[in-house]
Amino acid sequence: MVAFHELTVPLFSFILLILFLKRRRSTAGKIFPPSPRKLPIIGNLHQLGKSPHRSLLTLSKRHGELMLLHLGSKPVLVASSAAAAREIMKNQDLIFSNRPKLSAPDRLTYGSRDVAFSPYGEYWRHVRSICVLQLLSNRRVQSFRRVREEETSLMIERIARSPAGAAVNLSEELVATTNDVICRVALGRKYGGGGEERRFKKFLSEFVELLGASPVGDLVTWLAWVDRVGGLDAKVERVARLFDEFLEHVVREHREVEKSGRVDDEELDFVDILLQFQRENEKTSPVEDETIKALILDMFAGGTDTTVSSMEWTMAELIRNPRTMKVLQNEVREVARNKVEVDEEDLEKMPYLKAVMKESLRLHSPVPLLVPRESTEDTKVLGCDVASGTRVMVNAWAISRDPSLWENPEEFCPERFLDTSIDYKGLHFEFIPFGAGRRGCPAVAFAMSVNELAIAKLVHKFNFGLANGGRGEDLDMSETIGIAVHKKLPLLVVV
């Protein structure tokens, strides 16, 4: 035993020395982005805090526009400037177009078969083209105009029926309206009424919450047991099963209607369109049922949570800034004139409305760190070496508050967008609330058509005060973090 011990100690030391020298040779002559000091095992995790986008902005002021963090065992590149974002999402977009495998989204989206979380490659190109050409083209978005107009009108009617002086939970109204629009567009009908509505809302809320979860095992592999013991794994499995059962029922229901010949081409929803595409491409490019279900999940995840977030922040900012609210109301009411309600044709005559929407997105990026990317090969970014397999976070929230790009960046000032071509479609890297490049959000036109119409109708019909006589400037604007950033407290108004 002693002889064996005497042999193993020097052998172990020799192996450690070889590994150290090999690592040193592999990093010799390389310039890595600056890094904050890290702790054993957790790395820089303790520095993220409750609002990672804010903590990372603070760190970037000390360490620079590019930082290399270690979140557990994962190297993470953080980009906090327009120049760094342009390099990652335009100049080297192909190298940074992959997605890291995240355990919760992976299990919820049938092994990342959706567009948002699917790894870059042939499959992703195939499903993205289905979404862009079949579901989210301008023609298709316009075809759902009636749905958007009807559901936003119903919202206005519900608010108008509230007793005089009573508080209205505007956050709840925006959630209900957005869910109803998405349900009708994606599934063909609303899932409402009694227990069915409550169950659907509950597991949709859980689904969105879990997409934004940060399992310990994703960052420190050997601590994955924590997610099992803490119940996160079980919750993910339960919600994935519930949504699969629900979507299986939806797909079966649509197939039965299709067989009966009762489908009207003017009333096609996303499931109809995907099933039609599946049938037409059965022999050339087969589409599995799990792909159809994963794409529908994307519509809910991207179409409800982020849309509600942006509308909620817009209304909060308007209430906090009564002068801006008055300018917008004057524009909307002037365009609408004697019409009972605003319709989508009116929106193109409202430049100030569009400026308000952009300014709200600038101050309150729905997904402030965007969806993470991953490098597929060794490269250089702004003179710094970045290794293959590095996770990448682009802090869109920090970039849109950069004082070198924006005058008085903390102020809500829609006028800054009136005489500029800067837009949110991924061409201007100082303003990227929906991302950019290959992995930019393909549903921008769909989301904004709902946002603009809902806000225009609200300010056209109502004047707003805060419940309990509160003053707009005192409105609590604290955040709660998930896949999208929401107001921590619901927006309670008197109309």
Protein backbone atom coordinates (compact mmCIF):
# COMPACT_ATOMS: atom_id res chain seq x y z
CA MET A 1 0.00 0.00 0.00
CA VAL A 2 2.79 2.44 0.91
CA ALA A 3 4.67 1.71 -2.31
CA PHE A 4 1.50 2.33 -4.34
CA HIS A 5 0.92 5.66 -2.54
CA GLU A 6 4.51 6.70 -3.12
CA LEU A 7 4.07 6.06 -6.86
CA THR A 8 0.69 7.78 -7.29
CA VAL A 9 1.57 11.12 -5.67
CA PRO A 10 4.39 12.00 -8.11
CA LEU A 11 2.36 10.59 -11.03
CA PHE A 12 -0.61 12.77 -10.11
CA SER A 13 1.67 15.80 -9.76
CA PHE A 14 3.21 15.05 -13.16
CA ILE A 15 -0.27 14.89 -14.81
CA LEU A 16 -1.24 18.23 -13.23
CA LEU A 17 1.99 19.79 -14.50
CA ILE A 18 1.35 18.51 -18.05
CA LEU A 19 -2.22 19.89 -18.00
CA PHE A 20 -1.00 23.25 -16.69
CA LEU A 21 1.69 23.53 -19.38
CA LYS A 22 -0.78 22.48 -22.09
CA ARG A 23 -3.27 25.14 -20.95
CA ARG A 24 -0.53 27.74 -20.82
CA ARG A 25 0.60 26.94 -24.37
CA SER A 26 -3.00 27.08 -25.65
CA THR A 27 -3.49 30.58 -24.19
CA ALA A 28 0.01 31.94 -24.94
CA GLY A 29 -0.08 35.17 -26.91
CA LYS A 30 -3.87 35.49 -26.66
CA ILE A 31 -5.67 38.61 -25.44
CA PHE A 32 -8.87 37.80 -23.60
CA PRO A 33 -11.58 40.29 -22.65
CA PRO A 34 -11.20 41.69 -19.12
CA SER A 35 -12.87 39.70 -16.35
CA PRO A 36 -14.10 40.62 -12.88
CA ARG A 37 -12.63 38.49 -10.09
CA LYS A 38 -14.43 35.18 -9.67
CA LEU A 39 -15.08 32.75 -6.84
CA PRO A 40 -14.40 29.00 -6.88
CA ILE A 41 -17.17 26.86 -8.39
CA ILE A 42 -19.73 29.68 -8.91
CA GLY A 43 -17.39 32.02 -10.80
CA ASN A 44 -19.09 35.41 -11.23
CA LEU A 45 -22.64 34.21 -10.53
CA HIS A 46 -22.80 36.15 -7.27
CA GLN A 47 -22.28 39.40 -9.21
CA LEU A 48 -25.44 39.08 -11.33
CA GLY A 49 -27.87 40.08 -8.59
CA LYS A 50 -31.66 40.18 -8.95
CA SER A 51 -31.54 42.29 -12.14
CA PRO A 52 -28.71 40.86 -14.29
CA HIS A 53 -29.03 43.52 -17.03
CA ARG A 54 -28.46 46.25 -14.45
CA SER A 55 -25.62 44.42 -12.67
CA LEU A 56 -23.88 43.75 -15.98
CA LEU A 57 -24.13 47.42 -16.95
CA THR A 58 -22.44 48.37 -13.66
CA LEU A 59 -19.69 45.79 -14.26
CA SER A 60 -19.18 46.96 -17.84
CA LYS A 61 -18.51 50.51 -16.61
CA ARG A 62 -15.55 49.10 -14.68
CA HIS A 63 -14.32 46.43 -17.09
CA GLY A 64 -15.32 47.62 -20.56
CA GLU A 65 -17.74 47.06 -23.44
CA LEU A 66 -16.62 43.42 -23.71
CA MET A 67 -16.28 41.29 -20.57
CA LEU A 68 -15.57 37.61 -20.04
CA LEU A 69 -17.49 36.22 -17.09
CA HIS A 70 -17.57 32.70 -15.73
CA LEU A 71 -21.07 31.68 -14.67
CA GLY A 72 -20.36 28.45 -12.89
CA SER A 73 -18.26 26.49 -15.36
CA LYS A 74 -19.54 28.37 -18.43
CA PRO A 75 -17.46 31.14 -20.06
CA VAL A 76 -19.81 34.00 -21.00
CA LEU A 77 -18.95 36.96 -23.21
CA VAL A 78 -20.99 40.07 -22.34
CA ALA A 79 -21.33 42.79 -25.01
CA SER A 80 -22.48 46.19 -23.73
CA SER A 81 -21.86 48.55 -26.66
CA ALA A 82 -23.33 49.08 -30.13
CA ALA A 83 -19.91 48.39 -31.67
CA ALA A 84 -19.63 45.02 -29.90
CA ALA A 85 -23.23 44.13 -30.82
CA ARG A 86 -22.56 44.97 -34.48
CA GLU A 87 -19.46 42.79 -34.50
CA ILE A 88 -21.34 39.83 -33.00
CA MET A 89 -24.70 40.13 -34.78
CA LYS A 90 -23.59 41.46 -38.16
CA ASN A 91 -19.87 41.18 -38.99
CA GLN A 92 -19.52 37.72 -37.38
CA ASP A 93 -23.18 36.75 -37.30
CA LEU A 94 -22.54 33.26 -38.70
CA ILE A 95 -19.97 32.41 -36.01
CA PHE A 96 -22.34 33.60 -33.26
CA SER A 97 -25.64 32.22 -34.60
CA ASN A 98 -25.74 29.10 -32.47
CA ARG A 99 -27.80 28.72 -29.30
CA PRO A 100 -26.46 27.14 -26.11
CA LYS A 101 -28.46 24.13 -24.97
CA LEU A 102 -30.61 25.31 -22.05
CA SER A 103 -32.26 22.45 -20.18
CA ALA A 104 -35.67 24.00 -19.37
CA PRO A 105 -36.43 25.43 -22.86
CA ASP A 106 -35.03 22.24 -24.40
CA ARG A 107 -37.51 20.04 -22.55
CA LEU A 108 -40.42 22.45 -23.01
CA THR A 109 -39.92 22.79 -26.79
CA TYR A 110 -39.59 19.11 -27.72
CA GLY A 111 -35.79 19.03 -27.69
CA SER A 112 -35.40 22.62 -28.99
CA ARG A 113 -37.42 21.96 -32.15
CA ASP A 114 -38.71 25.54 -32.17
CA VAL A 115 -37.14 28.60 -33.84
CA ALA A 116 -35.97 30.52 -30.76
CA PHE A 117 -33.88 27.82 -29.05
CA SER A 118 -33.01 25.47 -31.91
CA PRO A 119 -29.25 25.12 -32.58
CA TYR A 120 -28.04 26.80 -35.77
CA GLY A 121 -28.06 24.47 -38.77
CA GLU A 122 -30.19 22.96 -41.51
CA TYR A 123 -33.14 22.17 -39.23
CA TRP A 124 -33.23 25.73 -37.84
CA ARG A 125 -33.09 27.22 -41.36
CA HIS A 126 -35.99 24.97 -42.39
CA VAL A 127 -38.32 25.86 -39.48
CA ARG A 128 -37.42 29.55 -39.58
CA SER A 129 -38.34 29.70 -43.28
CA ILE A 130 -41.68 28.04 -42.44
CA CYS A 131 -42.36 30.73 -39.83
CA VAL A 132 -41.24 33.66 -41.99
CA LEU A 133 -42.96 32.56 -45.19
CA GLN A 134 -46.03 30.73 -43.89
CA LEU A 135 -46.93 32.33 -40.55
CA LEU A 136 -45.35 35.78 -40.23
CA SER A 137 -45.21 37.29 -43.72
CA ASN A 138 -46.71 40.77 -44.12
CA ARG A 139 -49.64 39.31 -46.04
CA ARG A 140 -50.34 36.80 -43.27
CA VAL A 141 -50.01 39.42 -40.52
CA GLN A 142 -52.52 41.61 -42.38
CA SER A 143 -54.90 38.69 -42.71
CA PHE A 144 -55.36 38.69 -38.93
CA ARG A 145 -56.31 42.35 -38.79
CA ARG A 146 -59.93 41.59 -37.95
CA VAL A 147 -58.88 39.46 -34.96
CA ARG A 148 -56.70 42.25 -33.55
CA GLU A 149 -59.42 44.86 -34.04
CA GLU A 150 -62.14 42.71 -32.45
CA GLU A 151 -60.12 41.70 -29.39
CA THR A 152 -58.82 45.22 -28.68
CA SER A 153 -62.42 46.51 -29.02
CA LEU A 154 -63.55 43.94 -26.46
CA MET A 155 -60.84 45.19 -24.11
CA ILE A 156 -62.13 48.76 -24.49
CA GLU A 157 -65.71 47.58 -23.77
CA ARG A 158 -64.63 45.73 -20.61
CA ILE A 159 -62.78 48.78 -19.29
CA ALA A 160 -65.67 51.11 -20.17
CA ARG A 161 -68.05 48.92 -18.12
CA SER A 162 -65.99 49.37 -14.94
CA PRO A 163 -67.81 51.41 -12.24
CA ALA A 164 -67.01 55.13 -12.16
CA GLY A 165 -63.98 55.78 -10.01
CA ALA A 166 -63.15 52.07 -9.58
CA ALA A 167 -59.59 50.84 -10.07
CA VAL A 168 -58.98 48.88 -13.28
CA ASN A 169 -56.12 46.38 -13.40
CA LEU A 170 -54.75 47.43 -16.78
CA SER A 171 -51.99 44.80 -16.61
CA GLU A 172 -54.62 42.05 -16.41
CA GLU A 173 -56.58 43.55 -19.30
CA LEU A 174 -53.46 43.63 -21.51
CA VAL A 175 -52.63 40.01 -20.63
CA ALA A 176 -56.19 38.86 -21.41
CA THR A 177 -56.31 40.74 -24.71
CA THR A 178 -52.93 39.49 -25.90
CA ASN A 179 -53.72 35.90 -24.93
CA ASP A 180 -57.03 36.07 -26.77
CA VAL A 181 -55.40 37.47 -29.92
CA ILE A 182 -52.69 34.78 -29.88
CA CYS A 183 -55.20 32.00 -29.19
CA ARG A 184 -57.41 33.02 -32.10
CA VAL A 185 -54.51 33.56 -34.49
CA ALA A 186 -52.57 30.43 -33.52
CA LEU A 187 -55.30 27.98 -32.50
CA GLY A 188 -58.45 29.29 -34.15
CA ARG A 189 -60.42 30.05 -31.02
CA LYS A 190 -60.16 31.43 -27.52
CA TYR A 191 -59.79 28.96 -24.69
CA GLY A 192 -61.99 30.77 -22.23
CA GLY A 193 -64.84 30.26 -19.88
CA GLY A 194 -64.77 28.77 -16.40
CA GLY A 195 -62.27 26.08 -15.47
CA GLU A 196 -60.85 25.73 -19.00
CA GLU A 197 -59.76 29.37 -19.05
CA ARG A 198 -58.21 29.21 -15.57
CA ARG A 199 -56.29 26.01 -16.36
CA PHE A 200 -55.00 27.39 -19.68
CA LYS A 201 -53.89 30.69 -18.14
CA LYS A 202 -52.19 28.87 -15.27
CA PHE A 203 -50.03 26.54 -17.31
CA LEU A 204 -49.31 29.23 -19.93
CA SER A 205 -48.04 31.44 -17.08
CA GLU A 206 -45.93 28.56 -15.72
CA PHE A 207 -44.58 27.79 -19.19
CA VAL A 208 -43.35 31.37 -19.72
CA GLU A 209 -41.92 31.48 -16.19
CA LEU A 210 -39.94 28.26 -16.76
CA LEU A 211 -38.51 29.49 -20.08
CA GLY A 212 -36.80 32.23 -18.07
CA ALA A 213 -35.62 29.91 -15.28
CA SER A 214 -31.90 29.42 -14.62
CA PRO A 215 -31.33 25.78 -13.60
CA VAL A 216 -28.18 25.30 -11.51
CA GLY A 217 -27.22 22.30 -13.67
CA ASP A 218 -26.97 24.50 -16.78
CA LEU A 219 -24.11 26.41 -15.15
CA VAL A 220 -22.44 23.84 -12.87
CA THR A 221 -23.02 20.42 -14.43
CA TRP A 222 -22.18 18.34 -11.36
CA LEU A 223 -24.74 20.32 -9.30
CA ALA A 224 -27.65 19.29 -11.56
CA TRP A 225 -29.02 17.26 -8.62
CA VAL A 226 -30.01 20.57 -7.00
CA ASP A 227 -32.67 21.08 -9.71
CA ARG A 228 -34.05 17.59 -9.04
CA VAL A 229 -34.13 17.99 -5.26
CA GLY A 230 -35.53 21.54 -5.48
CA GLY A 231 -38.43 20.41 -7.67
CA LEU A 232 -37.54 22.43 -10.79
CA ASP A 233 -37.08 19.33 -12.96
CA ALA A 234 -40.44 17.92 -11.87
CA LYS A 235 -42.18 21.24 -12.58
CA VAL A 236 -40.65 21.43 -16.08
CA GLU A 237 -41.76 17.85 -16.82
CA ARG A 238 -45.29 18.53 -15.55
CA VAL A 239 -45.76 21.73 -17.59
CA ALA A 240 -44.24 20.11 -20.70
CA ARG A 241 -46.67 17.21 -20.35
CA LEU A 242 -49.68 19.49 -19.81
CA PHE A 243 -48.86 21.64 -22.82
CA ASP A 244 -48.22 18.57 -24.97
CA GLU A 245 -51.60 17.09 -24.03
CA PHE A 246 -53.28 20.41 -24.79
CA LEU A 247 -51.55 20.86 -28.17
CA GLU A 248 -52.15 17.22 -29.10
CA HIS A 249 -55.87 17.86 -28.56
CA VAL A 250 -55.68 21.07 -30.65
CA VAL A 251 -53.93 19.34 -33.57
CA ARG A 252 -56.39 16.41 -33.49
CA GLU A 253 -59.33 18.84 -33.42
CA HIS A 254 -57.95 20.74 -36.45
CA ARG A 255 -57.41 17.51 -38.41
CA GLU A 256 -61.02 16.47 -37.81
CA VAL A 257 -62.29 19.85 -39.04
CA GLU A 258 -59.98 19.63 -42.06
CA LYS A 259 -61.32 16.16 -42.97
CA SER A 260 -64.88 17.41 -42.74
CA GLY A 261 -64.10 20.13 -45.31
CA ARG A 262 -65.30 22.92 -42.99
CA VAL A 263 -62.07 24.97 -43.16
CA ASP A 264 -62.52 28.39 -44.74
CA ASP A 265 -59.36 29.76 -46.41
CA GLU A 266 -60.19 33.20 -45.00
CA GLU A 267 -60.26 31.80 -41.45
CA LEU A 268 -57.03 29.76 -41.43
CA ASP A 269 -55.11 29.87 -38.16
CA PHE A 270 -51.47 28.90 -37.59
CA VAL A 271 -52.28 25.26 -36.85
CA ASP A 272 -54.32 25.02 -40.10
CA ILE A 273 -51.46 26.58 -42.06
CA LEU A 274 -48.83 24.26 -40.54
CA LEU A 275 -50.96 21.15 -41.09
CA GLN A 276 -51.57 22.22 -44.69
CA PHE A 277 -47.81 22.76 -45.16
CA GLN A 278 -47.12 19.36 -43.57
CA ARG A 279 -49.50 17.64 -45.98
CA GLU A 280 -48.17 19.42 -49.08
CA ASN A 281 -44.53 18.64 -48.20
CA GLU A 282 -45.05 15.10 -46.96
CA LYS A 283 -42.72 13.56 -49.57
CA THR A 284 -40.13 16.32 -50.06
CA SER A 285 -39.58 18.02 -46.66
CA PRO A 286 -41.60 16.18 -44.02
CA VAL A 287 -42.65 18.19 -40.97
CA GLU A 288 -43.30 16.21 -37.79
CA ASP A 289 -46.15 16.91 -35.38
CA GLU A 290 -43.62 17.77 -32.66
CA THR A 291 -42.21 20.53 -34.90
CA ILE A 292 -45.71 21.95 -35.38
CA LYS A 293 -46.32 21.94 -31.63
CA ALA A 294 -42.91 23.51 -30.92
CA LEU A 295 -43.59 26.35 -33.40
CA ILE A 296 -46.98 27.03 -31.81
CA LEU A 297 -45.26 27.21 -28.40
CA ASP A 298 -42.93 29.87 -29.84
CA MET A 299 -45.95 31.96 -30.78
CA PHE A 300 -47.18 31.85 -27.19
CA ALA A 301 -43.79 32.43 -25.56
CA GLY A 302 -42.75 35.25 -27.88
CA GLY A 303 -46.20 36.58 -28.64
CA THR A 304 -47.72 36.96 -25.18
CA ASP A 305 -45.06 37.67 -22.57
CA THR A 306 -42.95 40.18 -24.50
CA THR A 307 -45.98 41.89 -26.08
CA VAL A 308 -47.68 42.37 -22.72
CA SER A 309 -44.42 43.65 -21.23
CA SER A 310 -43.94 46.33 -23.90
CA MET A 311 -47.59 47.54 -23.71
CA GLU A 312 -47.54 47.64 -19.91
CA TRP A 313 -44.33 49.73 -19.83
CA THR A 314 -45.67 52.04 -22.54
CA MET A 315 -48.85 52.82 -20.60
CA ALA A 316 -46.86 53.26 -17.37
CA GLU A 317 -44.52 55.77 -19.04
CA LEU A 318 -47.44 57.69 -20.56
CA ILE A 319 -49.14 57.95 -17.16
CA ARG A 320 -45.87 59.14 -15.61
CA ASN A 321 -45.46 61.73 -18.37
CA PRO A 322 -48.82 63.56 -18.76
CA ARG A 323 -47.46 66.03 -21.33
CA THR A 324 -46.46 63.14 -23.61
CA MET A 325 -49.82 61.46 -23.00
CA LYS A 326 -51.62 64.67 -24.05
CA VAL A 327 -49.58 65.03 -27.27
CA LEU A 328 -50.34 61.41 -28.17
CA GLN A 329 -54.05 61.71 -27.35
CA ASN A 330 -54.32 64.83 -29.51
CA GLU A 331 -52.72 63.01 -32.44
CA VAL A 332 -54.88 59.88 -32.10
CA ARG A 333 -58.11 61.82 -31.61
CA GLU A 334 -57.32 64.15 -34.52
CA VAL A 335 -56.72 61.20 -36.87
CA ALA A 336 -59.80 59.31 -35.65
CA ARG A 337 -61.97 62.47 -35.69
CA ASN A 338 -65.62 61.36 -35.46
CA LYS A 339 -64.98 57.62 -35.74
CA VAL A 340 -66.24 55.47 -32.90
CA GLU A 341 -62.96 53.55 -32.80
CA VAL A 342 -59.46 53.66 -34.18
CA ASP A 343 -58.68 51.01 -36.82
CA GLU A 344 -55.39 49.78 -38.26
CA GLU A 345 -55.55 52.04 -41.31
CA ASP A 346 -55.36 55.02 -38.96
CA LEU A 347 -52.05 53.91 -37.43
CA GLU A 348 -49.97 54.89 -40.46
CA LYS A 349 -51.05 58.51 -39.92
CA MET A 350 -49.72 58.56 -36.35
CA PRO A 351 -45.96 59.27 -36.33
CA TYR A 352 -46.00 60.32 -32.68
CA LEU A 353 -47.57 56.99 -31.68
CA LYS A 354 -44.75 55.16 -33.44
CA ALA A 355 -42.20 57.41 -31.70
CA VAL A 356 -43.81 56.62 -28.32
CA MET A 357 -43.60 52.88 -29.03
CA LYS A 358 -39.92 53.13 -30.00
CA GLU A 359 -39.04 55.20 -26.96
CA SER A 360 -40.78 52.71 -24.68
CA LEU A 361 -38.84 49.84 -26.29
CA ARG A 362 -35.60 51.80 -25.89
CA LEU A 363 -36.10 52.31 -22.16
CA HIS A 364 -37.69 48.92 -21.50
CA SER A 365 -36.28 46.24 -23.81
CA PRO A 366 -38.69 43.31 -23.31
CA VAL A 367 -35.77 40.81 -23.19
CA PRO A 368 -32.93 43.05 -21.96
CA LEU A 369 -30.12 40.50 -22.48
CA LEU A 370 -31.73 39.04 -25.64
CA VAL A 371 -31.69 35.25 -26.06
CA PRO A 372 -28.12 33.98 -25.49
CA ARG A 373 -25.92 32.97 -28.41
CA GLU A 374 -22.91 30.67 -28.59
CA SER A 375 -19.74 30.87 -30.68
CA THR A 376 -19.02 27.95 -33.00
CA GLU A 377 -15.29 28.61 -33.55
CA ASP A 378 -12.36 30.53 -32.11
CA THR A 379 -12.46 34.17 -33.22
CA LYS A 380 -11.57 37.73 -32.27
CA VAL A 381 -14.05 40.43 -31.25
CA LEU A 382 -12.81 44.02 -31.04
CA GLY A 383 -9.25 42.71 -30.73
CA CYS A 384 -10.04 40.16 -27.98
CA ASP A 385 -9.84 36.39 -28.36
CA VAL A 386 -13.08 34.45 -27.91
CA ALA A 387 -12.97 30.65 -27.72
CA SER A 388 -15.36 28.31 -29.50
CA GLY A 389 -18.28 27.33 -27.27
CA THR A 390 -18.37 30.64 -25.40
CA ARG A 391 -21.87 31.74 -24.44
CA VAL A 392 -22.71 35.31 -25.52
CA MET A 393 -25.03 37.84 -23.89
CA VAL A 394 -25.79 41.12 -25.65
CA ASN A 395 -27.02 43.70 -23.13
CA ALA A 396 -29.54 45.52 -25.33
CA TRP A 397 -30.85 47.36 -22.26
CA ALA A 398 -27.40 48.84 -21.51
CA ILE A 399 -26.80 49.84 -25.15
CA SER A 400 -30.11 51.70 -25.36
CA ARG A 401 -29.13 53.75 -22.28
CA ASP A 402 -25.58 54.54 -23.43
CA PRO A 403 -25.04 58.32 -22.93
CA SER A 404 -22.56 58.38 -25.83
CA LEU A 405 -25.42 57.28 -28.13
CA TRP A 406 -28.48 58.86 -26.52
CA GLU A 407 -28.95 62.35 -25.10
CA ASN A 408 -30.43 62.22 -21.59
CA PRO A 409 -30.86 58.44 -21.91
CA GLU A 410 -32.88 57.98 -18.71
CA GLU A 411 -35.63 60.39 -19.87
CA PHE A 412 -38.78 59.24 -21.67
CA CYS A 413 -38.66 61.47 -24.74
CA PRO A 414 -40.45 60.14 -27.88
CA GLU A 415 -39.47 63.30 -29.79
CA ARG A 416 -35.96 61.87 -30.21
CA PHE A 417 -37.42 59.42 -32.78
CA LEU A 418 -39.41 61.92 -34.86
CA ASP A 419 -36.58 63.11 -37.12
CA THR A 420 -34.46 59.96 -37.38
CA SER A 421 -34.48 56.77 -39.41
CA ILE A 422 -33.46 54.65 -36.37
CA ASP A 423 -35.76 51.65 -36.13
CA TYR A 424 -36.08 48.44 -34.09
CA LYS A 425 -35.76 46.00 -37.01
CA GLY A 426 -32.11 45.09 -36.39
CA LEU A 427 -30.31 47.51 -38.70
CA HIS A 428 -29.33 50.07 -36.04
CA PHE A 429 -27.21 48.49 -33.31
CA GLU A 430 -27.78 51.27 -30.81
CA PHE A 431 -31.42 50.08 -30.68
CA ILE A 432 -31.96 46.31 -30.81
CA PRO A 433 -34.94 45.37 -28.58
CA PHE A 434 -35.76 42.44 -30.91
CA GLY A 435 -32.16 41.40 -31.62
CA ALA A 436 -30.54 41.43 -35.06
CA GLY A 437 -28.97 39.19 -37.67
CA ARG A 438 -29.97 35.61 -38.35
CA ARG A 439 -31.32 35.10 -34.82
CA GLY A 440 -33.32 38.33 -34.69
CA CYS A 441 -37.00 37.95 -33.77
CA PRO A 442 -39.03 37.07 -36.91
CA ALA A 443 -42.33 38.21 -35.35
CA VAL A 444 -41.61 41.96 -35.03
CA ALA A 445 -44.36 43.04 -37.46
CA PHE A 446 -46.93 40.82 -35.74
CA ALA A 447 -46.02 42.05 -32.23
CA MET A 448 -46.00 45.72 -33.14
CA SER A 449 -49.34 45.55 -34.95
CA VAL A 450 -50.96 44.43 -31.66
CA ASN A 451 -49.00 46.94 -29.55
CA GLU A 452 -49.77 50.00 -31.66
CA LEU A 453 -53.47 49.25 -32.05
CA ALA A 454 -54.05 48.53 -28.35
CA ILE A 455 -52.23 51.68 -27.17
CA ALA A 456 -53.98 53.87 -29.77
CA LYS A 457 -57.42 52.60 -28.73
CA LEU A 458 -56.70 53.07 -25.02
CA VAL A 459 -55.57 56.69 -25.32
CA HIS A 460 -58.33 57.46 -27.83
CA LYS A 461 -61.12 56.34 -25.51
CA PHE A 462 -59.88 57.14 -22.02
CA ASN A 463 -58.10 59.64 -19.82
CA PHE A 464 -56.10 57.90 -17.10
CA GLY A 465 -55.41 58.54 -13.44
CA LEU A 466 -53.84 56.31 -10.82
CA ALA A 467 -55.88 54.43 -8.24
CA ASN A 468 -56.16 56.07 -4.80
CA GLY A 469 -55.35 59.49 -6.26
CA GLY A 470 -51.66 58.66 -6.80
CA ARG A 471 -49.49 61.02 -8.86
CA GLY A 472 -48.02 59.79 -12.14
CA GLU A 473 -44.48 60.79 -11.22
CA ASP A 474 -44.69 58.58 -8.10
CA LEU A 475 -45.67 55.44 -10.04
CA ASP A 476 -43.62 52.44 -8.91
CA MET A 477 -41.50 51.31 -11.90
CA SER A 478 -39.64 48.44 -10.22
CA GLU A 479 -39.11 45.29 -12.30
CA THR A 480 -39.66 41.59 -12.01
CA ILE A 481 -37.36 39.32 -14.00
CA GLY A 482 -38.33 36.37 -16.22
CA ILE A 483 -37.79 35.70 -19.91
CA ALA A 484 -39.28 39.21 -20.28
CA VAL A 485 -39.04 42.08 -17.78
CA HIS A 486 -42.41 43.19 -16.39
CA LYS A 487 -43.55 45.81 -13.91
CA LYS A 488 -43.28 44.26 -10.48
CA LEU A 489 -46.63 45.72 -9.41
CA PRO A 490 -49.73 45.62 -11.64
CA LEU A 491 -50.75 48.88 -13.32
CA LEU A 492 -53.93 49.98 -11.47
CA VAL A 493 -55.69 52.91 -13.15
CA VAL A 494 -58.89 54.92 -12.93
CA VAL A 495 -60.41 55.83 -16.30
